[in-house]
Amino acid sequence: MTKLVTFIDALSDHVEKAGKAILLVCGIGILASMTCGVFSRSFLPRSFMWPEELSRFMLIWATFVGGSVAMHNKGLVRFEFVINLFRGKAYATMELIGHIFSMIFIVVFVKVGIELIPYYMKAMGTTVHVQMIWPASGVILGGVFMGVHMFAFICHDILKLAGKEPVGKGK
């Protein structure tokens, strides 16, 4: 189990680094796109139509991939007030239950996203003439990244319950 956890932790770390790189590219892309839009509205006789849609597509990527980075760093909202009612192994058990429910949600989220791929392949952007699969793939990729992080959390929860890792916040 510990070799699996080591592998999953390394994979989670690599996924987080890739997520940060994607966020950097999206942030710079949004800034450049919005700058082009403002410039064209302010200094040209006609404004460009594409910057708003392109920025929206990059924002989709930044939101979902950024959510996975936040999940890796345990920066997402969760119901701590319920989990903190427990101590010791009960605390670790409640964390495991919460992580399992989150993983179920992530799996369904990614599954639905994958099932919608044929529809995304048929739809096109209005001003940026790309298939909608490209912005939608940011949602799916973010979900996959979240699944990797959540699997790592579940592995650590199991090790805590087995007594191979300290329990943490529970008293």
N, C-alpha and C. Protein backbone atom coordinates (compact mmCIF):
# COMPACT_ATOMS: atom_id res chain seq x y z
N MET A 1 0.83 -1.20 0.00
CA MET A 1 0.00 0.00 0.00
C MET A 1 0.87 1.26 0.00
N THR A 2 2.00 1.21 0.73
CA THR A 2 2.83 2.42 0.81
C THR A 2 3.49 2.76 -0.53
N LYS A 3 3.80 1.75 -1.35
CA LYS A 3 4.35 2.04 -2.68
C LYS A 3 3.30 2.72 -3.55
N LEU A 4 2.07 2.24 -3.43
CA LEU A 4 0.96 2.86 -4.17
C LEU A 4 0.77 4.31 -3.72
N VAL A 5 0.81 4.54 -2.42
CA VAL A 5 0.63 5.89 -1.88
C VAL A 5 1.77 6.80 -2.33
N THR A 6 2.99 6.28 -2.33
CA THR A 6 4.13 7.06 -2.81
C THR A 6 3.95 7.43 -4.27
N PHE A 7 3.51 6.47 -5.08
CA PHE A 7 3.27 6.74 -6.50
C PHE A 7 2.16 7.76 -6.68
N ILE A 8 1.05 7.58 -5.96
CA ILE A 8 -0.09 8.50 -6.09
C ILE A 8 0.30 9.90 -5.61
N ASP A 9 1.07 10.00 -4.53
CA ASP A 9 1.53 11.31 -4.07
C ASP A 9 2.40 12.00 -5.12
N ALA A 10 3.30 11.24 -5.74
CA ALA A 10 4.15 11.81 -6.79
C ALA A 10 3.30 12.25 -7.99
N LEU A 11 2.34 11.41 -8.36
CA LEU A 11 1.44 11.76 -9.47
C LEU A 11 0.63 13.02 -9.13
N SER A 12 0.14 13.09 -7.90
CA SER A 12 -0.62 14.26 -7.47
C SER A 12 0.24 15.52 -7.51
N ASP A 13 1.48 15.40 -7.09
CA ASP A 13 2.40 16.55 -7.14
C ASP A 13 2.66 16.99 -8.58
N HIS A 14 2.85 16.03 -9.48
CA HIS A 14 3.08 16.36 -10.89
C HIS A 14 1.84 17.00 -11.52
N VAL A 15 0.68 16.47 -11.16
CA VAL A 15 -0.57 17.03 -11.67
C VAL A 15 -0.74 18.46 -11.17
N GLU A 16 -0.38 18.70 -9.91
CA GLU A 16 -0.48 20.06 -9.37
C GLU A 16 0.46 21.02 -10.12
N LYS A 17 1.68 20.56 -10.39
CA LYS A 17 2.63 21.40 -11.13
C LYS A 17 2.11 21.69 -12.55
N ALA A 18 1.55 20.68 -13.20
CA ALA A 18 0.96 20.89 -14.53
C ALA A 18 -0.21 21.86 -14.43
N GLY A 19 -1.01 21.72 -13.38
CA GLY A 19 -2.13 22.64 -13.17
C GLY A 19 -1.67 24.07 -12.99
N LYS A 20 -0.60 24.26 -12.24
CA LYS A 20 -0.07 25.62 -12.06
C LYS A 20 0.45 26.19 -13.38
N ALA A 21 1.07 25.35 -14.19
CA ALA A 21 1.55 25.82 -15.50
C ALA A 21 0.38 26.21 -16.39
N ILE A 22 -0.68 25.40 -16.39
CA ILE A 22 -1.87 25.72 -17.17
C ILE A 22 -2.49 27.02 -16.67
N LEU A 23 -2.53 27.20 -15.35
CA LEU A 23 -3.07 28.44 -14.79
C LEU A 23 -2.25 29.65 -15.23
N LEU A 24 -0.94 29.50 -15.26
CA LEU A 24 -0.09 30.60 -15.71
C LEU A 24 -0.39 30.97 -17.16
N VAL A 25 -0.48 29.95 -18.02
CA VAL A 25 -0.78 30.20 -19.43
C VAL A 25 -2.15 30.84 -19.58
N CYS A 26 -3.13 30.32 -18.86
CA CYS A 26 -4.49 30.88 -18.95
C CYS A 26 -4.52 32.31 -18.43
N GLY A 27 -3.85 32.58 -17.33
CA GLY A 27 -3.82 33.94 -16.78
C GLY A 27 -3.20 34.93 -17.75
N ILE A 28 -2.07 34.56 -18.32
CA ILE A 28 -1.42 35.43 -19.30
C ILE A 28 -2.31 35.58 -20.54
N GLY A 29 -2.93 34.48 -20.97
CA GLY A 29 -3.81 34.53 -22.13
C GLY A 29 -5.02 35.42 -21.90
N ILE A 30 -5.62 35.33 -20.72
CA ILE A 30 -6.77 36.19 -20.39
C ILE A 30 -6.34 37.64 -20.38
N LEU A 31 -5.21 37.91 -19.76
CA LEU A 31 -4.70 39.29 -19.71
C LEU A 31 -4.44 39.84 -21.12
N ALA A 32 -3.78 39.04 -21.96
CA ALA A 32 -3.48 39.48 -23.32
C ALA A 32 -4.76 39.67 -24.14
N SER A 33 -5.67 38.75 -24.00
CA SER A 33 -6.92 38.83 -24.75
C SER A 33 -7.74 40.06 -24.34
N MET A 34 -7.86 40.28 -23.05
CA MET A 34 -8.62 41.45 -22.57
C MET A 34 -7.92 42.75 -22.96
N THR A 35 -6.59 42.74 -22.95
CA THR A 35 -5.84 43.94 -23.37
C THR A 35 -6.13 44.24 -24.84
N CYS A 36 -6.16 43.20 -25.69
CA CYS A 36 -6.51 43.40 -27.11
C CYS A 36 -7.92 43.95 -27.24
N GLY A 37 -8.84 43.45 -26.44
CA GLY A 37 -10.22 43.92 -26.50
C GLY A 37 -10.35 45.37 -26.09
N VAL A 38 -9.68 45.74 -25.00
CA VAL A 38 -9.73 47.13 -24.54
C VAL A 38 -9.05 48.04 -25.55
N PHE A 39 -7.92 47.61 -26.08
CA PHE A 39 -7.21 48.42 -27.08
C PHE A 39 -8.08 48.66 -28.31
N SER A 40 -8.72 47.59 -28.79
CA SER A 40 -9.53 47.74 -30.00
C SER A 40 -10.75 48.64 -29.76
N ARG A 41 -11.34 48.57 -28.57
CA ARG A 41 -12.48 49.44 -28.27
C ARG A 41 -12.06 50.89 -28.11
N SER A 42 -10.87 51.09 -27.62
CA SER A 42 -10.42 52.45 -27.30
C SER A 42 -9.75 53.15 -28.48
N PHE A 43 -9.00 52.43 -29.29
CA PHE A 43 -8.15 53.08 -30.28
C PHE A 43 -8.45 52.72 -31.73
N LEU A 44 -9.29 51.77 -31.98
CA LEU A 44 -9.59 51.37 -33.35
C LEU A 44 -11.03 51.73 -33.71
N PRO A 45 -11.31 51.91 -34.99
CA PRO A 45 -12.68 52.26 -35.39
C PRO A 45 -13.70 51.15 -35.09
N ARG A 46 -13.28 49.90 -35.13
CA ARG A 46 -14.16 48.78 -34.80
C ARG A 46 -13.47 47.89 -33.77
N SER A 47 -14.23 47.42 -32.83
CA SER A 47 -13.60 46.56 -31.80
C SER A 47 -13.55 45.11 -32.28
N PHE A 48 -12.57 44.40 -31.75
CA PHE A 48 -12.45 42.98 -32.04
C PHE A 48 -13.59 42.24 -31.34
N MET A 49 -14.07 41.19 -31.97
CA MET A 49 -15.16 40.40 -31.40
C MET A 49 -14.64 39.21 -30.58
N TRP A 50 -13.46 38.74 -30.87
CA TRP A 50 -12.98 37.50 -30.30
C TRP A 50 -12.44 37.56 -28.87
N PRO A 51 -11.95 38.71 -28.34
CA PRO A 51 -11.30 38.66 -27.02
C PRO A 51 -12.20 38.19 -25.88
N GLU A 52 -13.46 38.57 -25.91
CA GLU A 52 -14.35 38.18 -24.81
C GLU A 52 -14.57 36.67 -24.78
N GLU A 53 -14.83 36.08 -25.94
CA GLU A 53 -15.06 34.64 -25.99
C GLU A 53 -13.79 33.86 -25.68
N LEU A 54 -12.68 34.29 -26.20
CA LEU A 54 -11.41 33.62 -25.92
C LEU A 54 -11.10 33.68 -24.42
N SER A 55 -11.33 34.84 -23.81
CA SER A 55 -11.11 34.97 -22.37
C SER A 55 -12.04 34.05 -21.59
N ARG A 56 -13.26 33.93 -22.03
CA ARG A 56 -14.22 33.04 -21.36
C ARG A 56 -13.75 31.60 -21.44
N PHE A 57 -13.25 31.18 -22.59
CA PHE A 57 -12.76 29.81 -22.74
C PHE A 57 -11.56 29.56 -21.82
N MET A 58 -10.65 30.52 -21.74
CA MET A 58 -9.49 30.35 -20.85
C MET A 58 -9.90 30.41 -19.39
N LEU A 59 -10.94 31.18 -19.08
CA LEU A 59 -11.44 31.25 -17.71
C LEU A 59 -12.03 29.91 -17.28
N ILE A 60 -12.67 29.21 -18.21
CA ILE A 60 -13.20 27.87 -17.90
C ILE A 60 -12.05 26.95 -17.51
N TRP A 61 -10.99 26.96 -18.30
CA TRP A 61 -9.82 26.16 -17.98
C TRP A 61 -9.23 26.56 -16.63
N ALA A 62 -9.07 27.86 -16.42
CA ALA A 62 -8.47 28.35 -15.17
C ALA A 62 -9.32 27.97 -13.97
N THR A 63 -10.63 28.02 -14.12
CA THR A 63 -11.52 27.70 -13.00
C THR A 63 -11.39 26.25 -12.57
N PHE A 64 -11.52 25.34 -13.51
CA PHE A 64 -11.54 23.93 -13.13
C PHE A 64 -10.15 23.37 -12.84
N VAL A 65 -9.16 23.77 -13.61
CA VAL A 65 -7.80 23.32 -13.31
C VAL A 65 -7.32 24.01 -12.02
N GLY A 66 -7.68 25.28 -11.85
CA GLY A 66 -7.34 25.99 -10.61
C GLY A 66 -8.01 25.36 -9.40
N GLY A 67 -9.23 24.87 -9.59
CA GLY A 67 -9.91 24.16 -8.50
C GLY A 67 -9.16 22.91 -8.09
N SER A 68 -8.55 22.24 -9.07
CA SER A 68 -7.76 21.05 -8.73
C SER A 68 -6.50 21.41 -7.96
N VAL A 69 -5.89 22.54 -8.33
CA VAL A 69 -4.70 23.00 -7.59
C VAL A 69 -5.10 23.36 -6.15
N ALA A 70 -6.24 24.04 -6.02
CA ALA A 70 -6.72 24.38 -4.68
C ALA A 70 -7.04 23.12 -3.87
N MET A 71 -7.60 22.10 -4.54
CA MET A 71 -7.90 20.84 -3.85
C MET A 71 -6.61 20.19 -3.35
N HIS A 72 -5.57 20.18 -4.19
CA HIS A 72 -4.30 19.59 -3.79
C HIS A 72 -3.75 20.28 -2.54
N ASN A 73 -3.92 21.59 -2.48
CA ASN A 73 -3.42 22.37 -1.34
C ASN A 73 -4.43 22.49 -0.21
N LYS A 74 -5.51 21.70 -0.29
CA LYS A 74 -6.58 21.69 0.72
C LYS A 74 -7.15 23.08 0.94
N GLY A 75 -7.35 23.79 -0.18
CA GLY A 75 -7.86 25.15 -0.10
C GLY A 75 -9.32 25.28 -0.50
N LEU A 76 -10.00 24.15 -0.73
CA LEU A 76 -11.41 24.21 -1.09
C LEU A 76 -12.28 24.16 0.17
N VAL A 77 -13.48 24.66 0.05
CA VAL A 77 -14.42 24.67 1.17
C VAL A 77 -14.87 23.25 1.47
N ARG A 78 -14.97 22.93 2.75
CA ARG A 78 -15.53 21.65 3.17
C ARG A 78 -16.18 21.82 4.53
N PHE A 79 -16.92 20.83 4.93
CA PHE A 79 -17.69 20.93 6.17
C PHE A 79 -16.85 20.50 7.38
N GLU A 80 -15.89 21.32 7.73
CA GLU A 80 -14.99 21.00 8.84
C GLU A 80 -15.71 20.95 10.18
N PHE A 81 -16.76 21.76 10.32
CA PHE A 81 -17.43 21.81 11.61
C PHE A 81 -18.03 20.45 11.96
N VAL A 82 -18.42 19.66 10.98
CA VAL A 82 -18.94 18.31 11.26
C VAL A 82 -17.78 17.37 11.59
N ILE A 83 -16.75 17.40 10.78
CA ILE A 83 -15.61 16.49 10.99
C ILE A 83 -14.92 16.78 12.32
N ASN A 84 -14.85 18.06 12.70
CA ASN A 84 -14.15 18.43 13.94
C ASN A 84 -14.92 18.04 15.19
N LEU A 85 -16.12 17.52 15.06
CA LEU A 85 -16.85 17.01 16.21
C LEU A 85 -16.27 15.68 16.70
N PHE A 86 -15.46 15.06 15.87
CA PHE A 86 -14.92 13.74 16.18
C PHE A 86 -13.44 13.84 16.53
N ARG A 87 -12.95 12.78 17.20
CA ARG A 87 -11.55 12.75 17.61
C ARG A 87 -10.94 11.39 17.24
N GLY A 88 -9.63 11.39 17.07
CA GLY A 88 -8.89 10.15 16.84
C GLY A 88 -9.31 9.43 15.57
N LYS A 89 -9.54 8.11 15.72
CA LYS A 89 -9.91 7.28 14.56
C LYS A 89 -11.26 7.67 13.99
N ALA A 90 -12.16 8.14 14.84
CA ALA A 90 -13.48 8.58 14.34
C ALA A 90 -13.30 9.79 13.43
N TYR A 91 -12.36 10.67 13.77
CA TYR A 91 -12.06 11.82 12.91
C TYR A 91 -11.55 11.34 11.55
N ALA A 92 -10.62 10.39 11.58
CA ALA A 92 -10.07 9.86 10.32
C ALA A 92 -11.15 9.15 9.52
N THR A 93 -12.05 8.46 10.20
CA THR A 93 -13.16 7.78 9.53
C THR A 93 -14.08 8.79 8.85
N MET A 94 -14.39 9.87 9.54
CA MET A 94 -15.26 10.90 8.95
C MET A 94 -14.58 11.57 7.75
N GLU A 95 -13.28 11.79 7.86
CA GLU A 95 -12.55 12.35 6.72
C GLU A 95 -12.62 11.39 5.52
N LEU A 96 -12.43 10.11 5.78
CA LEU A 96 -12.50 9.11 4.71
C LEU A 96 -13.89 9.10 4.07
N ILE A 97 -14.92 9.14 4.87
CA ILE A 97 -16.29 9.15 4.34
C ILE A 97 -16.51 10.40 3.48
N GLY A 98 -16.07 11.55 3.96
CA GLY A 98 -16.19 12.78 3.18
C GLY A 98 -15.44 12.71 1.87
N HIS A 99 -14.24 12.14 1.91
CA HIS A 99 -13.44 12.02 0.69
C HIS A 99 -14.06 11.02 -0.28
N ILE A 100 -14.66 9.96 0.23
CA ILE A 100 -15.32 8.99 -0.65
C ILE A 100 -16.50 9.64 -1.35
N PHE A 101 -17.31 10.41 -0.61
CA PHE A 101 -18.43 11.11 -1.24
C PHE A 101 -17.94 12.11 -2.29
N SER A 102 -16.86 12.81 -1.98
CA SER A 102 -16.29 13.74 -2.95
C SER A 102 -15.80 13.01 -4.19
N MET A 103 -15.19 11.86 -4.00
CA MET A 103 -14.69 11.07 -5.13
C MET A 103 -15.84 10.59 -5.99
N ILE A 104 -16.94 10.18 -5.36
CA ILE A 104 -18.12 9.76 -6.13
C ILE A 104 -18.61 10.92 -6.99
N PHE A 105 -18.68 12.11 -6.40
CA PHE A 105 -19.11 13.28 -7.16
C PHE A 105 -18.17 13.55 -8.33
N ILE A 106 -16.86 13.48 -8.08
CA ILE A 106 -15.87 13.76 -9.13
C ILE A 106 -16.00 12.73 -10.26
N VAL A 107 -16.17 11.47 -9.92
CA VAL A 107 -16.29 10.42 -10.94
C VAL A 107 -17.54 10.67 -11.80
N VAL A 108 -18.67 10.99 -11.15
CA VAL A 108 -19.89 11.27 -11.91
C VAL A 108 -19.70 12.52 -12.77
N PHE A 109 -19.05 13.54 -12.22
CA PHE A 109 -18.79 14.79 -12.93
C PHE A 109 -17.98 14.52 -14.20
N VAL A 110 -16.91 13.76 -14.09
CA VAL A 110 -16.06 13.45 -15.24
C VAL A 110 -16.81 12.55 -16.22
N LYS A 111 -17.55 11.59 -15.70
CA LYS A 111 -18.31 10.68 -16.56
C LYS A 111 -19.31 11.46 -17.41
N VAL A 112 -20.06 12.37 -16.80
CA VAL A 112 -21.02 13.18 -17.55
C VAL A 112 -20.29 14.05 -18.57
N GLY A 113 -19.17 14.62 -18.18
CA GLY A 113 -18.38 15.42 -19.11
C GLY A 113 -17.93 14.63 -20.32
N ILE A 114 -17.51 13.40 -20.10
CA ILE A 114 -17.07 12.54 -21.20
C ILE A 114 -18.26 12.15 -22.08
N GLU A 115 -19.42 11.88 -21.46
CA GLU A 115 -20.61 11.54 -22.23
C GLU A 115 -21.08 12.70 -23.12
N LEU A 116 -20.77 13.93 -22.73
CA LEU A 116 -21.18 15.09 -23.50
C LEU A 116 -20.22 15.44 -24.65
N ILE A 117 -19.12 14.73 -24.76
CA ILE A 117 -18.13 15.02 -25.80
C ILE A 117 -18.75 15.05 -27.21
N PRO A 118 -19.62 14.10 -27.59
CA PRO A 118 -20.20 14.19 -28.94
C PRO A 118 -20.96 15.51 -29.19
N TYR A 119 -21.61 16.03 -28.18
CA TYR A 119 -22.31 17.30 -28.34
C TYR A 119 -21.33 18.46 -28.47
N TYR A 120 -20.26 18.41 -27.67
CA TYR A 120 -19.24 19.45 -27.76
C TYR A 120 -18.55 19.44 -29.13
N MET A 121 -18.42 18.26 -29.71
CA MET A 121 -17.76 18.15 -31.01
C MET A 121 -18.58 18.80 -32.13
N LYS A 122 -19.89 18.87 -31.94
CA LYS A 122 -20.77 19.44 -32.96
C LYS A 122 -20.90 20.96 -32.82
N ALA A 123 -20.69 21.49 -31.62
CA ALA A 123 -20.89 22.92 -31.38
C ALA A 123 -19.61 23.70 -31.67
N MET A 124 -19.80 24.92 -32.15
CA MET A 124 -18.67 25.80 -32.47
C MET A 124 -18.83 27.12 -31.72
N GLY A 125 -17.71 27.75 -31.41
CA GLY A 125 -17.73 29.08 -30.81
C GLY A 125 -18.27 30.09 -31.82
N THR A 126 -18.84 31.17 -31.32
CA THR A 126 -19.45 32.14 -32.24
C THR A 126 -18.41 33.06 -32.89
N THR A 127 -17.45 33.54 -32.11
CA THR A 127 -16.45 34.44 -32.70
C THR A 127 -15.10 33.76 -32.86
N VAL A 128 -14.76 32.90 -31.93
CA VAL A 128 -13.54 32.09 -32.05
C VAL A 128 -14.01 30.76 -32.61
N HIS A 129 -13.78 30.51 -33.85
CA HIS A 129 -14.34 29.34 -34.52
C HIS A 129 -13.56 28.08 -34.19
N VAL A 130 -13.77 27.61 -32.96
CA VAL A 130 -13.19 26.34 -32.52
C VAL A 130 -14.34 25.48 -32.01
N GLN A 131 -14.13 24.18 -32.05
CA GLN A 131 -15.13 23.28 -31.49
C GLN A 131 -15.20 23.50 -29.99
N MET A 132 -16.38 23.37 -29.44
CA MET A 132 -16.57 23.60 -28.00
C MET A 132 -15.92 22.51 -27.15
N ILE A 133 -15.40 21.47 -27.79
CA ILE A 133 -14.68 20.45 -27.04
C ILE A 133 -13.44 21.04 -26.37
N TRP A 134 -12.84 22.07 -26.99
CA TRP A 134 -11.62 22.65 -26.42
C TRP A 134 -11.88 23.35 -25.09
N PRO A 135 -12.87 24.22 -24.97
CA PRO A 135 -13.14 24.77 -23.63
C PRO A 135 -13.68 23.70 -22.67
N ALA A 136 -14.51 22.78 -23.18
CA ALA A 136 -15.07 21.75 -22.32
C ALA A 136 -14.01 20.79 -21.81
N SER A 137 -12.94 20.60 -22.56
CA SER A 137 -11.88 19.69 -22.10
C SER A 137 -11.19 20.22 -20.85
N GLY A 138 -11.24 21.54 -20.64
CA GLY A 138 -10.70 22.09 -19.39
C GLY A 138 -11.50 21.64 -18.18
N VAL A 139 -12.82 21.50 -18.36
CA VAL A 139 -13.68 21.00 -17.29
C VAL A 139 -13.34 19.55 -16.99
N ILE A 140 -13.22 18.74 -18.04
CA ILE A 140 -12.92 17.32 -17.86
C ILE A 140 -11.53 17.14 -17.26
N LEU A 141 -10.54 17.87 -17.78
CA LEU A 141 -9.18 17.76 -17.25
C LEU A 141 -9.12 18.17 -15.78
N GLY A 142 -9.81 19.26 -15.45
CA GLY A 142 -9.85 19.68 -14.05
C GLY A 142 -10.46 18.60 -13.17
N GLY A 143 -11.51 17.95 -13.65
CA GLY A 143 -12.13 16.86 -12.90
C GLY A 143 -11.20 15.67 -12.73
N VAL A 144 -10.47 15.33 -13.79
CA VAL A 144 -9.50 14.23 -13.69
C VAL A 144 -8.40 14.58 -12.69
N PHE A 145 -7.90 15.81 -12.76
CA PHE A 145 -6.88 16.24 -11.80
C PHE A 145 -7.42 16.16 -10.37
N MET A 146 -8.67 16.60 -10.16
CA MET A 146 -9.28 16.51 -8.83
C MET A 146 -9.39 15.06 -8.38
N GLY A 147 -9.71 14.16 -9.31
CA GLY A 147 -9.81 12.74 -8.98
C GLY A 147 -8.48 12.17 -8.50
N VAL A 148 -7.40 12.58 -9.14
CA VAL A 148 -6.06 12.13 -8.72
C VAL A 148 -5.78 12.59 -7.29
N HIS A 149 -6.05 13.88 -7.02
CA HIS A 149 -5.80 14.40 -5.68
C HIS A 149 -6.69 13.71 -4.64
N MET A 150 -7.95 13.50 -4.98
CA MET A 150 -8.87 12.87 -4.04
C MET A 150 -8.47 11.43 -3.76
N PHE A 151 -7.99 10.72 -4.78
CA PHE A 151 -7.52 9.35 -4.57
C PHE A 151 -6.33 9.35 -3.60
N ALA A 152 -5.45 10.34 -3.72
CA ALA A 152 -4.32 10.44 -2.80
C ALA A 152 -4.82 10.69 -1.37
N PHE A 153 -5.83 11.55 -1.22
CA PHE A 153 -6.39 11.81 0.11
C PHE A 153 -6.99 10.54 0.70
N ILE A 154 -7.71 9.78 -0.12
CA ILE A 154 -8.34 8.54 0.36
C ILE A 154 -7.28 7.53 0.78
N CYS A 155 -6.20 7.41 0.01
CA CYS A 155 -5.11 6.49 0.39
C CYS A 155 -4.53 6.88 1.75
N HIS A 156 -4.32 8.18 1.96
CA HIS A 156 -3.78 8.62 3.25
C HIS A 156 -4.78 8.39 4.38
N ASP A 157 -6.06 8.55 4.10
CA ASP A 157 -7.08 8.27 5.12
C ASP A 157 -7.03 6.81 5.53
N ILE A 158 -6.87 5.92 4.57
CA ILE A 158 -6.79 4.48 4.87
C ILE A 158 -5.55 4.18 5.71
N LEU A 159 -4.42 4.82 5.37
CA LEU A 159 -3.21 4.62 6.17
C LEU A 159 -3.39 5.15 7.59
N LYS A 160 -4.11 6.25 7.75
CA LYS A 160 -4.38 6.78 9.10
C LYS A 160 -5.22 5.79 9.90
N LEU A 161 -6.23 5.22 9.27
CA LEU A 161 -7.08 4.24 9.97
C LEU A 161 -6.32 2.97 10.29
N ALA A 162 -5.32 2.64 9.46
CA ALA A 162 -4.50 1.44 9.72
C ALA A 162 -3.41 1.71 10.75
N GLY A 163 -3.29 2.96 11.19
CA GLY A 163 -2.29 3.30 12.19
C GLY A 163 -0.91 3.52 11.62
N LYS A 164 -0.79 3.66 10.32
CA LYS A 164 0.52 3.84 9.68
C LYS A 164 0.88 5.30 9.45
N GLU A 165 -0.08 6.21 9.71
CA GLU A 165 0.15 7.65 9.64
C GLU A 165 -0.54 8.29 10.83
N PRO A 166 -0.02 9.43 11.30
CA PRO A 166 -0.71 10.12 12.39
C PRO A 166 -2.07 10.63 11.92
N VAL A 167 -3.03 10.67 12.83
CA VAL A 167 -4.40 11.04 12.49
C VAL A 167 -4.51 12.52 12.16
N GLY A 168 -3.84 13.39 12.82
CA GLY A 168 -3.91 14.81 12.45
C GLY A 168 -4.74 15.64 13.40
N LYS A 169 -5.74 16.35 12.87
CA LYS A 169 -6.48 17.34 13.64
C LYS A 169 -7.30 16.75 14.77
N GLY A 170 -7.78 15.54 14.62
CA GLY A 170 -8.60 14.95 15.68
C GLY A 170 -7.82 14.84 16.97
N LYS A 171 -8.49 15.03 18.12
CA LYS A 171 -7.77 15.02 19.41
C LYS A 171 -7.95 13.71 20.12
